[in-house]
Amino acid sequence: MKKTFQLSIEGKNRDRVLDATKHEIRQYIKRERRKTLPEGVDFWDFDCKFGTTADKAQGVHFATLTALIDAVAKEGGDAFYLELLAQPGYRGARASTEPQADDGL
């Protein structure tokens, strides 16, 4: 998904437009995650870019999208650009955080 979302639309409540925008993004994510995974892939990950325009878009972490959208709306921005591209994700082994027991007593 590569799209510029307008937040100020004449004749529509700005808060409702913001909610509809977030809903559209969530639906896209759900639709992409339902696709079958290729062999050896653990999950669908998303490569995200966010900015006020396509030229100013920068790579951001997927978990920060909602906060970034809310920040643009709070500042009174009229639009924002969002690029979400699904890519294969692989889980790595977790590092053990528990101290190992020493049985040599």
PDB file of N, CA and C in Angstrom:
ATOM      1  N   MET A   1       0.857  -1.168   0.000  1.00  0.00           N
ATOM      2  CA  MET A   1       0.000   0.000   0.000  1.00  0.00           C
ATOM      3  C   MET A   1       0.898   1.225   0.000  1.00  0.00           C
ATOM      4  N   LYS A   2       0.728   2.052  -0.976  1.00  0.00           N
ATOM      5  CA  LYS A   2       1.413   3.337  -1.059  1.00  0.00           C
ATOM      6  C   LYS A   2       0.316   4.362  -1.295  1.00  0.00           C
ATOM      7  N   LYS A   3       0.062   5.181  -0.278  1.00  0.00           N
ATOM      8  CA  LYS A   3      -1.093   6.063  -0.379  1.00  0.00           C
ATOM      9  C   LYS A   3      -0.895   7.327   0.446  1.00  0.00           C
ATOM     10  N   THR A   4      -1.446   8.426  -0.079  1.00  0.00           N
ATOM     11  CA  THR A   4      -1.515   9.673   0.671  1.00  0.00           C
ATOM     12  C   THR A   4      -2.942   9.795   1.203  1.00  0.00           C
ATOM     13  N   PHE A   5      -3.070   9.860   2.506  1.00  0.00           N
ATOM     14  CA  PHE A   5      -4.372   9.951   3.154  1.00  0.00           C
ATOM     15  C   PHE A   5      -4.687  11.411   3.450  1.00  0.00           C
ATOM     16  N   GLN A   6      -5.836  11.877   3.024  1.00  0.00           N
ATOM     17  CA  GLN A   6      -6.303  13.233   3.299  1.00  0.00           C
ATOM     18  C   GLN A   6      -7.077  13.225   4.615  1.00  0.00           C
ATOM     19  N   LEU A   7      -6.771  14.143   5.504  1.00  0.00           N
ATOM     20  CA  LEU A   7      -7.470  14.227   6.784  1.00  0.00           C
ATOM     21  C   LEU A   7      -8.512  15.334   6.803  1.00  0.00           C
ATOM     22  N   SER A   8      -8.349  16.319   5.934  1.00  0.00           N
ATOM     23  CA  SER A   8      -9.303  17.429   5.868  1.00  0.00           C
ATOM     24  C   SER A   8     -10.097  17.317   4.571  1.00  0.00           C
ATOM     25  N   ILE A   9     -11.304  16.788   4.681  1.00  0.00           N
ATOM     26  CA  ILE A   9     -12.187  16.644   3.526  1.00  0.00           C
ATOM     27  C   ILE A   9     -13.411  17.504   3.779  1.00  0.00           C
ATOM     28  N   GLU A  10     -13.726  18.343   2.827  1.00  0.00           N
ATOM     29  CA  GLU A  10     -14.841  19.269   2.982  1.00  0.00           C
ATOM     30  C   GLU A  10     -16.146  18.501   3.173  1.00  0.00           C
ATOM     31  N   GLY A  11     -16.902  18.899   4.182  1.00  0.00           N
ATOM     32  CA  GLY A  11     -18.201  18.288   4.457  1.00  0.00           C
ATOM     33  C   GLY A  11     -18.132  17.055   5.336  1.00  0.00           C
ATOM     34  N   LYS A  12     -16.943  16.674   5.775  1.00  0.00           N
ATOM     35  CA  LYS A  12     -16.805  15.497   6.639  1.00  0.00           C
ATOM     36  C   LYS A  12     -16.097  15.886   7.925  1.00  0.00           C
ATOM     37  N   ASN A  13     -16.525  15.263   9.011  1.00  0.00           N
ATOM     38  CA  ASN A  13     -15.936  15.498  10.322  1.00  0.00           C
ATOM     39  C   ASN A  13     -14.509  14.949  10.339  1.00  0.00           C
ATOM     40  N   ARG A  14     -13.578  15.771  10.756  1.00  0.00           N
ATOM     41  CA  ARG A  14     -12.152  15.398  10.754  1.00  0.00           C
ATOM     42  C   ARG A  14     -11.876  14.159  11.610  1.00  0.00           C
ATOM     43  N   ASP A  15     -12.545  14.045  12.755  1.00  0.00           N
ATOM     44  CA  ASP A  15     -12.330  12.889  13.630  1.00  0.00           C
ATOM     45  C   ASP A  15     -12.815  11.599  12.977  1.00  0.00           C
ATOM     46  N   ARG A  16     -13.934  11.670  12.262  1.00  0.00           N
ATOM     47  CA  ARG A  16     -14.465  10.486  11.577  1.00  0.00           C
ATOM     48  C   ARG A  16     -13.560  10.080  10.414  1.00  0.00           C
ATOM     49  N   VAL A  17     -12.985  11.058   9.731  1.00  0.00           N
ATOM     50  CA  VAL A  17     -12.059  10.761   8.639  1.00  0.00           C
ATOM     51  C   VAL A  17     -10.807  10.087   9.199  1.00  0.00           C
ATOM     52  N   LEU A  18     -10.329  10.555  10.329  1.00  0.00           N
ATOM     53  CA  LEU A  18      -9.166   9.951  10.978  1.00  0.00           C
ATOM     54  C   LEU A  18      -9.465   8.503  11.375  1.00  0.00           C
ATOM     55  N   ASP A  19     -10.632   8.262  11.955  1.00  0.00           N
ATOM     56  CA  ASP A  19     -11.020   6.899  12.329  1.00  0.00           C
ATOM     57  C   ASP A  19     -11.139   6.002  11.096  1.00  0.00           C
ATOM     58  N   ALA A  20     -11.718   6.509  10.024  1.00  0.00           N
ATOM     59  CA  ALA A  20     -11.863   5.728   8.801  1.00  0.00           C
ATOM     60  C   ALA A  20     -10.506   5.396   8.190  1.00  0.00           C
ATOM     61  N   THR A  21      -9.565   6.318   8.293  1.00  0.00           N
ATOM     62  CA  THR A  21      -8.216   6.099   7.788  1.00  0.00           C
ATOM     63  C   THR A  21      -7.531   4.974   8.562  1.00  0.00           C
ATOM     64  N   LYS A  22      -7.602   5.031   9.880  1.00  0.00           N
ATOM     65  CA  LYS A  22      -7.008   3.986  10.708  1.00  0.00           C
ATOM     66  C   LYS A  22      -7.662   2.633  10.427  1.00  0.00           C
ATOM     67  N   HIS A  23      -8.967   2.641  10.226  1.00  0.00           N
ATOM     68  CA  HIS A  23      -9.695   1.401   9.933  1.00  0.00           C
ATOM     69  C   HIS A  23      -9.216   0.809   8.599  1.00  0.00           C
ATOM     70  N   GLU A  24      -9.036   1.653   7.595  1.00  0.00           N
ATOM     71  CA  GLU A  24      -8.567   1.181   6.293  1.00  0.00           C
ATOM     72  C   GLU A  24      -7.173   0.563   6.400  1.00  0.00           C
ATOM     73  N   ILE A  25      -6.308   1.160   7.191  1.00  0.00           N
ATOM     74  CA  ILE A  25      -4.955   0.632   7.380  1.00  0.00           C
ATOM     75  C   ILE A  25      -5.010  -0.717   8.101  1.00  0.00           C
ATOM     76  N   ARG A  26      -5.829  -0.823   9.137  1.00  0.00           N
ATOM     77  CA  ARG A  26      -5.959  -2.090   9.873  1.00  0.00           C
ATOM     78  C   ARG A  26      -6.504  -3.195   8.976  1.00  0.00           C
ATOM     79  N   GLN A  27      -7.480  -2.864   8.136  1.00  0.00           N
ATOM     80  CA  GLN A  27      -8.047  -3.858   7.233  1.00  0.00           C
ATOM     81  C   GLN A  27      -7.010  -4.342   6.227  1.00  0.00           C
ATOM     82  N   TYR A  28      -6.181  -3.447   5.732  1.00  0.00           N
ATOM     83  CA  TYR A  28      -5.113  -3.831   4.808  1.00  0.00           C
ATOM     84  C   TYR A  28      -4.144  -4.793   5.493  1.00  0.00           C
ATOM     85  N   ILE A  29      -3.772  -4.485   6.723  1.00  0.00           N
ATOM     86  CA  ILE A  29      -2.840  -5.338   7.468  1.00  0.00           C
ATOM     87  C   ILE A  29      -3.440  -6.720   7.688  1.00  0.00           C
ATOM     88  N   LYS A  30      -4.704  -6.776   8.071  1.00  0.00           N
ATOM     89  CA  LYS A  30      -5.376  -8.064   8.276  1.00  0.00           C
ATOM     90  C   LYS A  30      -5.424  -8.867   6.981  1.00  0.00           C
ATOM     91  N   ARG A  31      -5.716  -8.201   5.884  1.00  0.00           N
ATOM     92  CA  ARG A  31      -5.799  -8.867   4.580  1.00  0.00           C
ATOM     93  C   ARG A  31      -4.432  -9.436   4.181  1.00  0.00           C
ATOM     94  N   GLU A  32      -3.369  -8.686   4.400  1.00  0.00           N
ATOM     95  CA  GLU A  32      -2.029  -9.153   4.059  1.00  0.00           C
ATOM     96  C   GLU A  32      -1.601 -10.320   4.949  1.00  0.00           C
ATOM     97  N   ARG A  33      -1.955 -10.282   6.214  1.00  0.00           N
ATOM     98  CA  ARG A  33      -1.558 -11.349   7.137  1.00  0.00           C
ATOM     99  C   ARG A  33      -2.310 -12.654   6.878  1.00  0.00           C
ATOM    100  N   ARG A  34      -3.460 -12.584   6.221  1.00  0.00           N
ATOM    101  CA  ARG A  34      -4.225 -13.793   5.896  1.00  0.00           C
ATOM    102  C   ARG A  34      -3.623 -14.568   4.729  1.00  0.00           C
ATOM    103  N   LYS A  35      -2.779 -13.951   3.946  1.00  0.00           N
ATOM    104  CA  LYS A  35      -2.170 -14.630   2.807  1.00  0.00           C
ATOM    105  C   LYS A  35      -1.298 -15.776   3.295  1.00  0.00           C
ATOM    106  N   THR A  36      -1.234 -16.829   2.488  1.00  0.00           N
ATOM    107  CA  THR A  36      -0.447 -17.990   2.887  1.00  0.00           C
ATOM    108  C   THR A  36       1.040 -17.637   2.901  1.00  0.00           C
ATOM    109  N   LEU A  37       1.720 -18.180   3.884  1.00  0.00           N
ATOM    110  CA  LEU A  37       3.149 -17.917   4.055  1.00  0.00           C
ATOM    111  C   LEU A  37       3.971 -18.805   3.125  1.00  0.00           C
ATOM    112  N   PRO A  38       5.013 -18.281   2.524  1.00  0.00           N
ATOM    113  CA  PRO A  38       5.923 -19.116   1.733  1.00  0.00           C
ATOM    114  C   PRO A  38       6.651 -20.118   2.641  1.00  0.00           C
ATOM    115  N   GLU A  39       7.219 -21.123   2.037  1.00  0.00           N
ATOM    116  CA  GLU A  39       7.945 -22.158   2.776  1.00  0.00           C
ATOM    117  C   GLU A  39       9.101 -21.548   3.573  1.00  0.00           C
ATOM    118  N   GLY A  40       9.177 -21.869   4.864  1.00  0.00           N
ATOM    119  CA  GLY A  40      10.272 -21.416   5.707  1.00  0.00           C
ATOM    120  C   GLY A  40      10.087 -20.042   6.332  1.00  0.00           C
ATOM    121  N   VAL A  41       8.951 -19.399   6.086  1.00  0.00           N
ATOM    122  CA  VAL A  41       8.685 -18.064   6.630  1.00  0.00           C
ATOM    123  C   VAL A  41       7.825 -18.210   7.879  1.00  0.00           C
ATOM    124  N   ASP A  42       8.139 -17.449   8.934  1.00  0.00           N
ATOM    125  CA  ASP A  42       7.417 -17.554  10.196  1.00  0.00           C
ATOM    126  C   ASP A  42       6.194 -16.639  10.272  1.00  0.00           C
ATOM    127  N   PHE A  43       6.288 -15.433   9.698  1.00  0.00           N
ATOM    128  CA  PHE A  43       5.188 -14.473   9.777  1.00  0.00           C
ATOM    129  C   PHE A  43       5.384 -13.400   8.717  1.00  0.00           C
ATOM    130  N   TRP A  44       4.343 -12.590   8.517  1.00  0.00           N
ATOM    131  CA  TRP A  44       4.442 -11.445   7.606  1.00  0.00           C
ATOM    132  C   TRP A  44       4.904 -10.239   8.405  1.00  0.00           C
ATOM    133  N   ASP A  45       5.967  -9.630   7.966  1.00  0.00           N
ATOM    134  CA  ASP A  45       6.491  -8.413   8.556  1.00  0.00           C
ATOM    135  C   ASP A  45       6.171  -7.271   7.593  1.00  0.00           C
ATOM    136  N   PHE A  46       6.228  -6.039   8.061  1.00  0.00           N
ATOM    137  CA  PHE A  46       5.893  -4.902   7.216  1.00  0.00           C
ATOM    138  C   PHE A  46       7.030  -3.887   7.196  1.00  0.00           C
ATOM    139  N   ASP A  47       7.385  -3.483   5.993  1.00  0.00           N
ATOM    140  CA  ASP A  47       8.362  -2.417   5.782  1.00  0.00           C
ATOM    141  C   ASP A  47       7.548  -1.134   5.683  1.00  0.00           C
ATOM    142  N   CYS A  48       7.771  -0.177   6.579  1.00  0.00           N
ATOM    143  CA  CYS A  48       6.923   1.015   6.678  1.00  0.00           C
ATOM    144  C   CYS A  48       7.711   2.296   6.418  1.00  0.00           C
ATOM    145  N   LYS A  49       7.078   3.197   5.699  1.00  0.00           N
ATOM    146  CA  LYS A  49       7.593   4.553   5.518  1.00  0.00           C
ATOM    147  C   LYS A  49       6.442   5.503   5.811  1.00  0.00           C
ATOM    148  N   PHE A  50       6.755   6.600   6.500  1.00  0.00           N
ATOM    149  CA  PHE A  50       5.716   7.544   6.911  1.00  0.00           C
ATOM    150  C   PHE A  50       6.265   8.954   6.791  1.00  0.00           C
ATOM    151  N   GLY A  51       5.418   9.880   6.336  1.00  0.00           N
ATOM    152  CA  GLY A  51       5.806  11.278   6.242  1.00  0.00           C
ATOM    153  C   GLY A  51       4.638  12.135   5.817  1.00  0.00           C
ATOM    154  N   THR A  52       4.830  13.432   5.805  1.00  0.00           N
ATOM    155  CA  THR A  52       3.761  14.335   5.388  1.00  0.00           C
ATOM    156  C   THR A  52       3.560  14.280   3.875  1.00  0.00           C
ATOM    157  N   THR A  53       4.630  13.972   3.134  1.00  0.00           N
ATOM    158  CA  THR A  53       4.539  13.767   1.686  1.00  0.00           C
ATOM    159  C   THR A  53       5.382  12.550   1.322  1.00  0.00           C
ATOM    160  N   ALA A  54       5.224  12.078   0.094  1.00  0.00           N
ATOM    161  CA  ALA A  54       5.985  10.908  -0.349  1.00  0.00           C
ATOM    162  C   ALA A  54       7.481  11.204  -0.388  1.00  0.00           C
ATOM    163  N   ASP A  55       7.856  12.440  -0.702  1.00  0.00           N
ATOM    164  CA  ASP A  55       9.266  12.806  -0.773  1.00  0.00           C
ATOM    165  C   ASP A  55       9.929  12.857   0.605  1.00  0.00           C
ATOM    166  N   LYS A  56       9.151  13.196   1.627  1.00  0.00           N
ATOM    167  CA  LYS A  56       9.692  13.336   2.986  1.00  0.00           C
ATOM    168  C   LYS A  56       9.520  12.081   3.831  1.00  0.00           C
ATOM    169  N   ALA A  57       8.991  11.020   3.243  1.00  0.00           N
ATOM    170  CA  ALA A  57       8.731   9.792   4.000  1.00  0.00           C
ATOM    171  C   ALA A  57      10.031   9.137   4.435  1.00  0.00           C
ATOM    172  N   GLN A  58      10.033   8.677   5.685  1.00  0.00           N
ATOM    173  CA  GLN A  58      11.196   8.004   6.255  1.00  0.00           C
ATOM    174  C   GLN A  58      10.773   6.657   6.808  1.00  0.00           C
ATOM    175  N   GLY A  59      11.700   5.733   6.866  1.00  0.00           N
ATOM    176  CA  GLY A  59      11.418   4.420   7.418  1.00  0.00           C
ATOM    177  C   GLY A  59      11.103   4.509   8.907  1.00  0.00           C
ATOM    178  N   VAL A  60      10.025   3.853   9.320  1.00  0.00           N
ATOM    179  CA  VAL A  60       9.608   3.840  10.724  1.00  0.00           C
ATOM    180  C   VAL A  60       9.289   2.406  11.129  1.00  0.00           C
ATOM    181  N   HIS A  61       9.225   2.169  12.425  1.00  0.00           N
ATOM    182  CA  HIS A  61       8.852   0.860  12.937  1.00  0.00           C
ATOM    183  C   HIS A  61       7.338   0.700  12.850  1.00  0.00           C
ATOM    184  N   PHE A  62       6.911  -0.512  12.521  1.00  0.00           N
ATOM    185  CA  PHE A  62       5.488  -0.806  12.331  1.00  0.00           C
ATOM    186  C   PHE A  62       4.650  -0.453  13.563  1.00  0.00           C
ATOM    187  N   ALA A  63       5.165  -0.681  14.757  1.00  0.00           N
ATOM    188  CA  ALA A  63       4.408  -0.468  15.993  1.00  0.00           C
ATOM    189  C   ALA A  63       4.144   1.009  16.281  1.00  0.00           C
ATOM    190  N   THR A  64       4.852   1.916  15.628  1.00  0.00           N
ATOM    191  CA  THR A  64       4.694   3.346  15.915  1.00  0.00           C
ATOM    192  C   THR A  64       3.726   4.058  14.967  1.00  0.00           C
ATOM    193  N   LEU A  65       3.117   3.338  14.034  1.00  0.00           N
ATOM    194  CA  LEU A  65       2.266   3.983  13.027  1.00  0.00           C
ATOM    195  C   LEU A  65       1.105   4.769  13.634  1.00  0.00           C
ATOM    196  N   THR A  66       0.374   4.160  14.550  1.00  0.00           N
ATOM    197  CA  THR A  66      -0.784   4.837  15.130  1.00  0.00           C
ATOM    198  C   THR A  66      -0.375   6.113  15.850  1.00  0.00           C
ATOM    199  N   ALA A  67       0.710   6.079  16.585  1.00  0.00           N
ATOM    200  CA  ALA A  67       1.183   7.274  17.292  1.00  0.00           C
ATOM    201  C   ALA A  67       1.589   8.364  16.298  1.00  0.00           C
ATOM    202  N   LEU A  68       2.211   7.985  15.201  1.00  0.00           N
ATOM    203  CA  LEU A  68       2.607   8.967  14.188  1.00  0.00           C
ATOM    204  C   LEU A  68       1.394   9.596  13.510  1.00  0.00           C
ATOM    205  N   ILE A  69       0.387   8.792  13.221  1.00  0.00           N
ATOM    206  CA  ILE A  69      -0.841   9.312  12.607  1.00  0.00           C
ATOM    207  C   ILE A  69      -1.533  10.278  13.559  1.00  0.00           C
ATOM    208  N   ASP A  70      -1.610   9.898  14.839  1.00  0.00           N
ATOM    209  CA  ASP A  70      -2.231  10.771  15.835  1.00  0.00           C
ATOM    210  C   ASP A  70      -1.465  12.084  15.981  1.00  0.00           C
ATOM    211  N   ALA A  71      -0.145  12.025  15.893  1.00  0.00           N
ATOM    212  CA  ALA A  71       0.677  13.238  16.009  1.00  0.00           C
ATOM    213  C   ALA A  71       0.406  14.190  14.848  1.00  0.00           C
ATOM    214  N   VAL A  72       0.285  13.666  13.639  1.00  0.00           N
ATOM    215  CA  VAL A  72      -0.017  14.507  12.472  1.00  0.00           C
ATOM    216  C   VAL A  72      -1.392  15.141  12.632  1.00  0.00           C
ATOM    217  N   ALA A  73      -2.366  14.363  13.094  1.00  0.00           N
ATOM    218  CA  ALA A  73      -3.720  14.888  13.277  1.00  0.00           C
ATOM    219  C   ALA A  73      -3.750  15.955  14.373  1.00  0.00           C
ATOM    220  N   LYS A  74      -3.012  15.734  15.452  1.00  0.00           N
ATOM    221  CA  LYS A  74      -2.985  16.683  16.559  1.00  0.00           C
ATOM    222  C   LYS A  74      -2.337  18.000  16.158  1.00  0.00           C
ATOM    223  N   GLU A  75      -1.317  17.925  15.300  1.00  0.00           N
ATOM    224  CA  GLU A  75      -0.642  19.136  14.825  1.00  0.00           C
ATOM    225  C   GLU A  75      -1.476  19.897  13.793  1.00  0.00           C
ATOM    226  N   GLY A  76      -2.557  19.307  13.322  1.00  0.00           N
ATOM    227  CA  GLY A  76      -3.426  19.967  12.355  1.00  0.00           C
ATOM    228  C   GLY A  76      -3.037  19.724  10.915  1.00  0.00           C
ATOM    229  N   GLY A  77      -2.247  18.688  10.659  1.00  0.00           N
ATOM    230  CA  GLY A  77      -1.841  18.366   9.289  1.00  0.00           C
ATOM    231  C   GLY A  77      -3.032  17.978   8.433  1.00  0.00           C
ATOM    232  N   ASP A  78      -2.967  18.316   7.153  1.00  0.00           N
ATOM    233  CA  ASP A  78      -4.072  18.022   6.241  1.00  0.00           C
ATOM    234  C   ASP A  78      -3.962  16.641   5.616  1.00  0.00           C
ATOM    235  N   ALA A  79      -2.743  16.085   5.552  1.00  0.00           N
ATOM    236  CA  ALA A  79      -2.553  14.792   4.899  1.00  0.00           C
ATOM    237  C   ALA A  79      -1.263  14.151   5.393  1.00  0.00           C
ATOM    238  N   PHE A  80      -1.134  12.854   5.142  1.00  0.00           N
ATOM    239  CA  PHE A  80       0.110  12.141   5.404  1.00  0.00           C
ATOM    240  C   PHE A  80       0.254  11.028   4.386  1.00  0.00           C
ATOM    241  N   TYR A  81       1.503  10.637   4.154  1.00  0.00           N
ATOM    242  CA  TYR A  81       1.821   9.568   3.214  1.00  0.00           C
ATOM    243  C   TYR A  81       2.229   8.339   4.000  1.00  0.00           C
ATOM    244  N   LEU A  82       1.707   7.177   3.589  1.00  0.00           N
ATOM    245  CA  LEU A  82       2.036   5.924   4.253  1.00  0.00           C
ATOM    246  C   LEU A  82       2.369   4.875   3.200  1.00  0.00           C
ATOM    247  N   GLU A  83       3.461   4.183   3.431  1.00  0.00           N
ATOM    248  CA  GLU A  83       3.862   3.078   2.558  1.00  0.00           C
ATOM    249  C   GLU A  83       4.034   1.847   3.424  1.00  0.00           C
ATOM    250  N   LEU A  84       3.207   0.831   3.165  1.00  0.00           N
ATOM    251  CA  LEU A  84       3.268  -0.439   3.890  1.00  0.00           C
ATOM    252  C   LEU A  84       3.502  -1.544   2.881  1.00  0.00           C
ATOM    253  N   LEU A  85       4.604  -2.247   3.010  1.00  0.00           N
ATOM    254  CA  LEU A  85       4.906  -3.351   2.110  1.00  0.00           C
ATOM    255  C   LEU A  85       5.153  -4.608   2.935  1.00  0.00           C
ATOM    256  N   ALA A  86       4.380  -5.667   2.656  1.00  0.00           N
ATOM    257  CA  ALA A  86       4.540  -6.927   3.369  1.00  0.00           C
ATOM    258  C   ALA A  86       5.805  -7.623   2.895  1.00  0.00           C
ATOM    259  N   GLN A  87       6.520  -8.211   3.840  1.00  0.00           N
ATOM    260  CA  GLN A  87       7.729  -8.958   3.522  1.00  0.00           C
ATOM    261  C   GLN A  87       7.821 -10.143   4.476  1.00  0.00           C
ATOM    262  N   PRO A  88       8.525 -11.188   4.093  1.00  0.00           N
ATOM    263  CA  PRO A  88       8.640 -12.357   4.965  1.00  0.00           C
ATOM    264  C   PRO A  88       9.408 -12.029   6.245  1.00  0.00           C
ATOM    265  N   GLY A  89       8.941 -12.576   7.353  1.00  0.00           N
ATOM    266  CA  GLY A  89       9.603 -12.373   8.636  1.00  0.00           C
ATOM    267  C   GLY A  89      10.069 -13.697   9.212  1.00  0.00           C
ATOM    268  N   TYR A  90      11.218 -13.665   9.836  1.00  0.00           N
ATOM    269  CA  TYR A  90      11.804 -14.868  10.424  1.00  0.00           C
ATOM    270  C   TYR A  90      12.075 -14.620  11.898  1.00  0.00           C
ATOM    271  N   ARG A  91      11.668 -15.570  12.720  1.00  0.00           N
ATOM    272  CA  ARG A  91      11.914 -15.455  14.156  1.00  0.00           C
ATOM    273  C   ARG A  91      13.296 -16.008  14.485  1.00  0.00           C
ATOM    274  N   GLY A  92      13.991 -15.284  15.336  1.00  0.00           N
ATOM    275  CA  GLY A  92      15.306 -15.740  15.786  1.00  0.00           C
ATOM    276  C   GLY A  92      15.178 -16.422  17.131  1.00  0.00           C
ATOM    277  N   ALA A  93      16.194 -17.124  17.534  1.00  0.00           N
ATOM    278  CA  ALA A  93      16.198 -17.778  18.836  1.00  0.00           C
ATOM    279  C   ALA A  93      16.313 -16.718  19.922  1.00  0.00           C
ATOM    280  N   ARG A  94      15.541 -16.885  20.978  1.00  0.00           N
ATOM    281  CA  ARG A  94      15.595 -15.950  22.101  1.00  0.00           C
ATOM    282  C   ARG A  94      16.799 -16.255  22.978  1.00  0.00           C
ATOM    283  N   ALA A  95      17.400 -15.199  23.480  1.00  0.00           N
ATOM    284  CA  ALA A  95      18.520 -15.364  24.401  1.00  0.00           C
ATOM    285  C   ALA A  95      17.969 -15.695  25.780  1.00  0.00           C
ATOM    286  N   SER A  96      18.595 -16.584  26.466  1.00  0.00           N
ATOM    287  CA  SER A  96      18.166 -16.980  27.799  1.00  0.00           C
ATOM    288  C   SER A  96      18.506 -15.867  28.788  1.00  0.00           C
ATOM    289  N   THR A  97      17.497 -15.390  29.544  1.00  0.00           N
ATOM    290  CA  THR A  97      17.717 -14.331  30.516  1.00  0.00           C
ATOM    291  C   THR A  97      17.814 -14.870  31.941  1.00  0.00           C
ATOM    292  N   GLU A  98      17.501 -16.165  32.126  1.00  0.00           N
ATOM    293  CA  GLU A  98      17.573 -16.763  33.456  1.00  0.00           C
ATOM    294  C   GLU A  98      19.001 -17.237  33.736  1.00  0.00           C
ATOM    295  N   PRO A  99      19.482 -17.028  34.961  1.00  0.00           N
ATOM    296  CA  PRO A  99      20.819 -17.549  35.287  1.00  0.00           C
ATOM    297  C   PRO A  99      20.795 -19.069  35.306  1.00  0.00           C
ATOM    298  N   GLN A 100      21.847 -19.667  34.828  1.00  0.00           N
ATOM    299  CA  GLN A 100      21.900 -21.126  34.779  1.00  0.00           C
ATOM    300  C   GLN A 100      22.206 -21.679  36.157  1.00  0.00           C
ATOM    301  N   ALA A 101      21.500 -22.737  36.527  1.00  0.00           N
ATOM    302  CA  ALA A 101      21.720 -23.379  37.826  1.00  0.00           C
ATOM    303  C   ALA A 101      23.001 -24.192  37.791  1.00  0.00           C
ATOM    304  N   ASP A 102      23.751 -24.119  38.867  1.00  0.00           N
ATOM    305  CA  ASP A 102      25.008 -24.860  38.965  1.00  0.00           C
ATOM    306  C   ASP A 102      24.763 -26.081  39.828  1.00  0.00           C
ATOM    307  N   ASP A 103      24.780 -27.276  39.213  1.00  0.00           N
ATOM    308  CA  ASP A 103      24.474 -28.523  39.938  1.00  0.00           C
ATOM    309  C   ASP A 103      25.714 -29.173  40.554  1.00  0.00           C
ATOM    310  N   GLY A 104      26.837 -28.509  40.581  1.00  0.00           N
ATOM    311  CA  GLY A 104      28.074 -29.094  41.068  1.00  0.00           C
ATOM    312  C   GLY A 104      28.282 -28.936  42.568  1.00  0.00           C
ATOM    313  N   LEU A 105      27.242 -28.905  43.385  1.00  0.00           N
ATOM    314  CA  LEU A 105      27.408 -28.757  44.832  1.00  0.00           C
ATOM    315  C   LEU A 105      27.925 -29.967  45.462  1.00  0.00           C
TER     316      LEU A 105
END
